[in-house]
N, C-alpha and C. Protein backbone atom coordinates (compact mmCIF):
# COMPACT_ATOMS: atom_id res chain seq x y z
N MET A 1 253.72 13.10 127.95
CA MET A 1 253.03 12.80 129.04
C MET A 1 251.60 12.42 128.04
N SER A 2 251.11 11.18 128.47
CA SER A 2 249.70 11.15 127.98
C SER A 2 248.97 10.48 128.81
N THR A 3 247.36 10.91 128.33
CA THR A 3 246.24 10.26 129.41
C THR A 3 245.84 8.81 129.17
N GLU A 4 246.18 8.45 127.85
CA GLU A 4 245.71 7.04 127.51
C GLU A 4 245.83 6.24 127.95
N LYS A 5 244.75 5.22 128.06
CA LYS A 5 245.17 4.12 128.94
C LYS A 5 246.14 3.09 128.53
N GLU A 6 246.44 2.93 127.22
CA GLU A 6 248.00 1.69 126.93
C GLU A 6 248.72 2.94 126.06
N PRO A 7 249.19 4.27 126.43
CA PRO A 7 250.05 5.11 125.66
C PRO A 7 251.21 3.86 124.53
N ALA A 8 251.52 4.60 123.60
CA ALA A 8 252.58 3.78 122.56
C ALA A 8 253.36 5.13 122.39
N VAL A 9 254.98 4.82 122.56
CA VAL A 9 255.88 5.44 122.67
C VAL A 9 256.84 5.11 121.74
N VAL A 10 257.20 6.10 120.54
CA VAL A 10 258.27 5.73 119.94
C VAL A 10 259.68 6.41 119.66
N TYR A 11 260.86 5.34 120.06
CA TYR A 11 262.12 5.67 120.18
C TYR A 11 262.95 6.00 118.65
N ASN A 12 263.03 6.99 118.29
CA ASN A 12 264.20 7.04 116.88
C ASN A 12 265.38 6.94 117.27
N GLU A 13 266.04 6.85 118.42
CA GLU A 13 267.45 7.05 118.81
C GLU A 13 267.59 5.84 119.83
N PRO A 14 268.85 5.18 119.62
CA PRO A 14 269.36 4.03 120.85
C PRO A 14 269.64 4.92 122.25
N GLY A 15 269.27 4.53 123.27
CA GLY A 15 269.42 5.09 124.48
C GLY A 15 269.04 4.24 125.76
N ILE A 16 268.95 4.82 127.09
CA ILE A 16 268.31 4.48 128.13
C ILE A 16 267.49 5.67 128.63
N PHE A 17 266.24 5.00 128.99
CA PHE A 17 265.06 6.10 129.07
C PHE A 17 264.65 5.88 130.26
N LYS A 18 263.95 6.71 131.39
CA LYS A 18 263.38 6.53 132.13
C LYS A 18 261.30 6.34 131.79
N VAL A 19 260.55 5.78 133.00
CA VAL A 19 259.53 6.05 132.77
C VAL A 19 258.46 6.34 133.79
N GLY A 20 257.67 7.44 133.74
CA GLY A 20 257.16 7.76 134.84
C GLY A 20 255.35 7.26 134.72
N LEU A 21 254.74 6.98 136.00
CA LEU A 21 253.29 6.61 135.75
C LEU A 21 252.60 7.76 136.91
N ILE A 22 251.71 8.65 136.65
CA ILE A 22 251.07 9.24 137.59
C ILE A 22 249.73 8.58 137.87
N VAL A 23 249.29 8.28 138.57
CA VAL A 23 247.81 8.14 138.98
C VAL A 23 247.26 8.91 140.00
N ALA A 24 245.84 9.22 139.24
CA ALA A 24 245.18 10.48 140.24
C ALA A 24 243.59 10.08 140.09
N ASN A 25 242.82 10.25 141.07
CA ASN A 25 241.68 10.67 141.06
C ASN A 25 241.30 11.56 142.34
N ALA A 26 239.77 11.54 142.64
CA ALA A 26 239.30 12.51 144.01
C ALA A 26 240.01 12.77 144.87
N SER A 27 240.66 11.98 145.47
CA SER A 27 241.47 11.90 146.74
C SER A 27 243.06 12.35 146.67
N GLY A 28 243.53 12.53 145.34
CA GLY A 28 244.48 13.14 145.03
C GLY A 28 245.56 12.03 144.28
N SER A 29 246.88 12.05 144.08
CA SER A 29 247.55 12.10 142.98
C SER A 29 248.89 11.01 143.83
N ASP A 30 249.43 10.28 142.70
CA ASP A 30 250.93 9.51 143.16
C ASP A 30 251.47 9.49 142.08
N GLN A 31 252.68 9.18 142.25
CA GLN A 31 253.64 9.17 141.31
C GLN A 31 254.73 8.07 141.37
N ILE A 32 255.40 7.26 140.43
CA ILE A 32 256.60 6.73 140.51
C ILE A 32 257.11 6.92 139.27
N ILE A 33 258.63 7.08 139.49
CA ILE A 33 259.60 7.11 138.01
C ILE A 33 260.69 6.36 138.05
N ARG A 34 261.24 5.35 137.42
CA ARG A 34 262.13 4.28 137.21
C ARG A 34 262.83 4.85 136.06
N GLN A 35 263.97 5.07 136.73
CA GLN A 35 265.07 5.48 135.51
C GLN A 35 265.89 4.40 134.95
N GLY A 36 266.16 4.20 134.00
CA GLY A 36 266.82 3.39 132.84
C GLY A 36 265.84 2.21 132.66
N PHE A 37 264.40 2.42 132.72
CA PHE A 37 263.60 1.30 132.25
C PHE A 37 263.61 1.10 131.12
N ILE A 38 263.67 1.60 130.37
CA ILE A 38 263.72 1.31 128.74
C ILE A 38 264.93 1.31 127.93
N VAL A 39 265.48 0.34 127.75
CA VAL A 39 266.42 0.46 127.02
C VAL A 39 266.65 0.08 125.44
N VAL A 40 266.76 1.04 124.69
CA VAL A 40 266.72 1.09 122.86
C VAL A 40 267.94 0.88 122.35
N GLU A 41 268.08 -0.43 121.70
CA GLU A 41 269.25 -0.65 120.87
C GLU A 41 269.21 -0.49 119.85
N GLU A 42 270.21 -0.50 119.37
CA GLU A 42 270.34 -0.38 117.51
C GLU A 42 269.40 -1.72 117.03
N PRO A 43 268.59 -1.80 116.16
CA PRO A 43 268.08 -2.98 115.44
C PRO A 43 269.12 -4.04 115.15
N SER A 44 268.65 -5.50 115.18
CA SER A 44 269.52 -6.29 114.87
C SER A 44 268.97 -7.09 113.28
N SER A 45 269.70 -7.76 112.95
CA SER A 45 269.11 -8.53 111.60
C SER A 45 268.25 -9.49 112.09
N ILE A 46 267.32 -10.01 111.36
CA ILE A 46 266.19 -10.93 111.47
C ILE A 46 267.11 -12.23 111.23
N ASP A 47 268.17 -12.51 110.68
CA ASP A 47 268.70 -13.60 110.49
C ASP A 47 269.25 -14.13 111.88
N ASN A 48 269.47 -13.01 113.10
CA ASN A 48 269.98 -13.15 114.09
C ASN A 48 269.06 -13.63 115.19
N ALA A 49 267.95 -13.53 114.86
CA ALA A 49 266.67 -13.36 116.20
C ALA A 49 266.65 -15.07 116.65
N ILE A 50 266.64 -14.65 118.20
CA ILE A 50 266.53 -16.02 118.60
C ILE A 50 265.29 -16.26 118.78
N ASN A 51 264.92 -17.74 118.96
CA ASN A 51 263.47 -18.13 118.62
C ASN A 51 263.43 -19.50 119.85
N LEU A 52 262.22 -20.15 120.10
CA LEU A 52 262.34 -21.00 121.12
C LEU A 52 262.96 -22.34 120.80
N ASP A 53 263.57 -22.44 119.75
CA ASP A 53 264.34 -23.86 119.58
C ASP A 53 265.93 -23.52 119.94
N ASP A 54 266.01 -22.41 120.19
CA ASP A 54 267.55 -21.89 120.39
C ASP A 54 267.39 -21.84 121.85
N ILE A 55 266.45 -21.98 122.86
CA ILE A 55 266.46 -21.58 124.07
C ILE A 55 266.16 -23.40 124.70
N LYS A 56 267.31 -23.63 125.71
CA LYS A 56 266.68 -25.06 126.52
C LYS A 56 266.48 -24.39 128.03
N VAL A 57 265.36 -25.11 128.81
CA VAL A 57 265.55 -24.75 130.44
C VAL A 57 265.56 -26.12 130.59
N TYR A 58 266.45 -26.23 131.60
CA TYR A 58 266.48 -27.91 131.78
C TYR A 58 267.18 -27.86 133.27
N PRO A 59 266.34 -28.39 134.56
CA PRO A 59 265.32 -29.71 133.83
C PRO A 59 264.20 -28.71 134.20
N ASN A 60 263.12 -28.83 133.78
CA ASN A 60 261.90 -28.31 133.89
C ASN A 60 260.61 -29.19 133.54
N PRO A 61 260.14 -29.60 134.80
CA PRO A 61 259.79 -28.96 136.05
C PRO A 61 261.22 -29.09 137.06
N ASN A 62 261.32 -28.41 138.11
CA ASN A 62 262.21 -28.41 138.69
C ASN A 62 261.91 -28.10 139.86
N ASP A 63 263.27 -27.59 140.91
CA ASP A 63 263.21 -27.57 142.29
C ASP A 63 263.85 -26.33 142.81
N GLY A 64 263.46 -25.11 141.61
CA GLY A 64 264.01 -23.89 141.88
C GLY A 64 265.19 -23.58 141.53
N LEU A 65 265.94 -24.35 141.01
CA LEU A 65 267.46 -24.30 140.66
C LEU A 65 267.34 -25.06 139.07
N PHE A 66 267.75 -24.25 138.01
CA PHE A 66 267.75 -24.67 136.58
C PHE A 66 268.53 -23.86 136.11
N ASN A 67 268.64 -24.48 134.71
CA ASN A 67 269.83 -24.09 133.80
C ASN A 67 269.11 -23.39 132.68
N VAL A 68 269.75 -22.32 132.00
CA VAL A 68 269.15 -21.76 130.50
C VAL A 68 270.29 -22.12 129.36
N LYS A 69 270.14 -22.52 128.48
CA LYS A 69 270.99 -22.83 127.47
C LYS A 69 270.58 -22.00 126.11
N LEU A 70 271.42 -21.11 125.70
CA LEU A 70 271.01 -20.35 124.39
C LEU A 70 272.04 -20.63 123.38
N GLU A 71 271.55 -21.07 122.50
CA GLU A 71 272.36 -21.19 121.31
C GLU A 71 271.82 -20.56 120.15
N THR A 72 273.04 -19.37 119.73
CA THR A 72 272.12 -18.17 119.00
C THR A 72 273.69 -17.86 118.12
N LYS A 73 273.24 -17.04 116.80
CA LYS A 73 274.25 -16.03 115.89
C LYS A 73 274.70 -15.06 116.44
N ASN A 74 273.70 -14.57 117.27
CA ASN A 74 274.06 -13.07 118.14
C ASN A 74 274.63 -13.10 119.10
N ARG A 75 275.72 -12.13 119.21
CA ARG A 75 276.48 -11.93 120.58
C ARG A 75 276.28 -10.50 120.82
N GLY A 76 275.78 -10.80 122.20
CA GLY A 76 275.74 -9.02 122.64
C GLY A 76 274.87 -9.60 124.01
N ILE A 77 273.84 -8.73 124.39
CA ILE A 77 273.39 -8.33 125.80
C ILE A 77 272.16 -8.88 125.27
N PHE A 78 271.39 -10.07 126.57
CA PHE A 78 270.51 -10.45 126.77
C PHE A 78 270.01 -10.52 128.01
N GLN A 79 268.77 -9.96 127.95
CA GLN A 79 267.71 -9.47 129.51
C GLN A 79 267.09 -11.02 129.55
N PHE A 80 267.23 -11.21 130.68
CA PHE A 80 266.39 -12.12 131.34
C PHE A 80 265.48 -11.62 132.73
N ILE A 81 263.90 -11.86 132.05
CA ILE A 81 263.18 -11.32 133.30
C ILE A 81 262.15 -13.04 133.60
N ILE A 82 261.97 -12.81 134.88
CA ILE A 82 261.08 -14.27 135.21
C ILE A 82 259.77 -13.33 136.07
N ILE A 83 258.80 -13.90 135.62
CA ILE A 83 257.54 -13.12 136.28
C ILE A 83 256.75 -14.30 137.10
N ASN A 84 256.29 -13.80 138.10
CA ASN A 84 255.69 -15.05 138.95
C ASN A 84 253.88 -15.13 138.46
N HIS A 85 253.22 -16.18 139.19
CA HIS A 85 251.65 -16.00 138.57
C HIS A 85 250.67 -14.55 138.85
N LEU A 86 251.40 -13.64 139.69
CA LEU A 86 250.79 -12.59 139.98
C LEU A 86 251.04 -11.23 138.92
N GLY A 87 251.83 -11.49 137.83
CA GLY A 87 252.60 -10.88 137.08
C GLY A 87 253.83 -9.91 137.67
N LYS A 88 254.56 -10.13 138.76
CA LYS A 88 255.27 -9.41 139.12
C LYS A 88 256.74 -10.16 138.59
N ILE A 89 257.36 -8.92 138.45
CA ILE A 89 258.86 -9.59 138.19
C ILE A 89 259.54 -9.88 139.36
N ILE A 90 260.48 -11.22 139.34
CA ILE A 90 261.10 -11.50 140.41
C ILE A 90 262.57 -11.40 140.11
N TYR A 91 262.89 -11.26 138.81
CA TYR A 91 264.12 -11.69 138.27
C TYR A 91 264.24 -11.12 137.02
N ASN A 92 265.18 -10.05 137.09
CA ASN A 92 265.91 -9.17 136.01
C ASN A 92 267.27 -8.88 136.17
N LYS A 93 267.42 -9.40 134.87
CA LYS A 93 269.47 -9.32 134.74
C LYS A 93 269.56 -9.46 133.26
N CYS A 94 270.58 -8.96 133.11
CA CYS A 94 271.18 -8.79 131.97
C CYS A 94 272.51 -9.48 131.94
N TYR A 95 272.99 -10.34 130.63
CA TYR A 95 273.94 -11.31 130.58
C TYR A 95 274.66 -10.80 129.10
N SER A 96 275.78 -10.86 129.40
CA SER A 96 276.63 -10.32 128.00
C SER A 96 276.75 -11.85 127.31
N GLY A 97 276.68 -12.01 126.25
CA GLY A 97 277.15 -12.64 125.76
C GLY A 97 278.26 -13.06 124.44
N ARG A 98 279.43 -13.52 124.91
CA ARG A 98 280.56 -13.65 123.89
C ARG A 98 280.74 -14.56 122.97
N SER A 99 280.11 -15.72 123.20
CA SER A 99 279.78 -16.80 122.15
C SER A 99 278.91 -16.95 121.71
N THR A 100 278.57 -18.24 120.46
CA THR A 100 277.32 -18.48 120.06
C THR A 100 276.48 -19.63 121.02
N GLU A 101 277.37 -20.17 122.17
CA GLU A 101 276.55 -20.87 122.94
C GLU A 101 276.62 -20.57 124.26
N LEU A 102 275.66 -20.38 125.14
CA LEU A 102 275.37 -19.46 126.30
C LEU A 102 274.82 -20.35 127.36
N SER A 103 275.35 -20.66 128.70
CA SER A 103 274.53 -20.88 129.68
C SER A 103 274.84 -20.22 130.77
N TRP A 104 273.34 -20.52 131.49
CA TRP A 104 273.20 -19.96 132.81
C TRP A 104 272.60 -20.57 133.75
N GLU A 105 272.76 -20.32 135.11
CA GLU A 105 272.09 -21.40 135.97
C GLU A 105 271.21 -19.99 137.30
N ILE A 106 270.08 -20.28 136.91
CA ILE A 106 269.34 -19.72 137.60
C ILE A 106 268.56 -20.27 138.90
N ASP A 107 268.42 -19.60 140.27
CA ASP A 107 268.01 -20.43 141.61
C ASP A 107 266.64 -19.04 141.51
N LEU A 108 265.70 -19.97 141.74
CA LEU A 108 264.12 -19.73 142.18
C LEU A 108 263.85 -20.47 143.52
N SER A 109 264.73 -20.89 143.89
CA SER A 109 264.28 -21.61 145.53
C SER A 109 263.66 -21.16 146.26
N PRO A 110 264.19 -19.51 146.60
CA PRO A 110 263.29 -19.01 147.71
C PRO A 110 261.80 -18.30 147.52
N TYR A 111 261.38 -18.60 146.06
CA TYR A 111 260.15 -18.32 145.39
C TYR A 111 259.19 -19.92 146.13
N PRO A 112 257.84 -19.39 146.09
CA PRO A 112 257.07 -20.12 146.20
C PRO A 112 256.98 -21.49 144.74
N LYS A 113 256.47 -22.71 145.14
CA LYS A 113 256.28 -23.10 144.09
C LYS A 113 255.44 -22.81 143.40
N GLY A 114 255.29 -22.98 141.96
CA GLY A 114 254.44 -22.66 141.02
C GLY A 114 255.08 -22.74 139.37
N THR A 115 254.25 -21.64 138.78
CA THR A 115 254.51 -21.43 137.23
C THR A 115 255.13 -20.28 137.38
N TYR A 116 256.21 -20.36 136.60
CA TYR A 116 256.89 -18.68 136.22
C TYR A 116 256.87 -18.68 134.92
N HIS A 117 256.82 -17.44 134.07
CA HIS A 117 257.27 -17.06 132.86
C HIS A 117 258.76 -16.43 132.90
N LEU A 118 259.49 -17.19 131.99
CA LEU A 118 260.76 -16.56 131.61
C LEU A 118 260.55 -15.84 130.07
N GLN A 119 261.26 -14.54 129.87
CA GLN A 119 261.40 -13.80 128.98
C GLN A 119 262.62 -13.87 128.68
N ILE A 120 263.34 -14.22 127.46
CA ILE A 120 264.64 -13.52 126.85
C ILE A 120 264.64 -12.63 125.83
N ILE A 121 265.22 -11.33 126.40
CA ILE A 121 264.82 -9.88 125.26
C ILE A 121 266.38 -9.85 124.50
N ASP A 122 266.33 -10.04 123.57
CA ASP A 122 267.56 -9.49 122.50
C ASP A 122 267.39 -8.59 121.47
N ASN A 123 267.36 -7.20 121.88
CA ASN A 123 267.17 -6.45 120.99
C ASN A 123 265.66 -6.03 120.76
N ASP A 124 265.07 -6.53 119.40
CA ASP A 124 264.05 -6.30 119.27
C ASP A 124 263.06 -7.92 119.62
N ASN A 125 264.04 -8.56 119.84
CA ASN A 125 263.15 -10.08 119.97
C ASN A 125 263.08 -10.62 121.59
N ILE A 126 261.71 -10.83 121.42
CA ILE A 126 261.15 -11.44 122.83
C ILE A 126 260.84 -12.91 122.96
N VAL A 127 261.42 -13.77 123.57
CA VAL A 127 261.20 -15.44 123.58
C VAL A 127 260.40 -15.52 125.16
N HIS A 128 259.34 -16.41 125.02
CA HIS A 128 258.83 -16.64 126.30
C HIS A 128 259.20 -18.28 126.20
N LYS A 129 259.22 -18.52 127.79
CA LYS A 129 258.89 -19.90 128.03
C LYS A 129 259.11 -19.91 129.64
N LYS A 130 258.02 -21.43 129.64
CA LYS A 130 256.95 -21.32 130.95
C LYS A 130 258.37 -22.41 131.87
N ILE A 131 258.09 -21.84 133.05
CA ILE A 131 259.05 -22.75 133.77
C ILE A 131 258.25 -23.38 134.96
N VAL A 132 258.43 -24.45 135.65
CA VAL A 132 257.43 -24.81 136.43
C VAL A 132 258.21 -25.41 137.82
N VAL A 133 258.27 -24.91 138.87
CA VAL A 133 258.90 -25.26 140.17
C VAL A 133 257.97 -25.85 140.74
N ASN A 134 258.31 -27.43 141.36
CA ASN A 134 257.87 -28.08 142.44
C ASN A 134 258.54 -28.23 143.74
């Protein structure tokens, strides 16, 4: 437990960990615990790191339905997170890559028009892309 505003945690072993947040003031306190919120995997080689050139989002801008194409040397699990303009996670899925060229279709049409941020996470790597829904 930490009382720091932005605590740092070091995980020395791979695994799935929970995160807890406790907020307190003069009126009382509240807490939330998320099981399996942090996934720590074995580090990958820097040669296998994904970068912006490896990811294509099309069409962009779009009507809410778009494709993500990923070309990578790494075969493994990729986490896709999409964040709206308020910083709320509206999409969070893991995909297993069994080849070096992967493609997914994502549908944001139930959500309002606007700018969204896509994060693709692969082990120690996080790549950001902007998505515009018209």
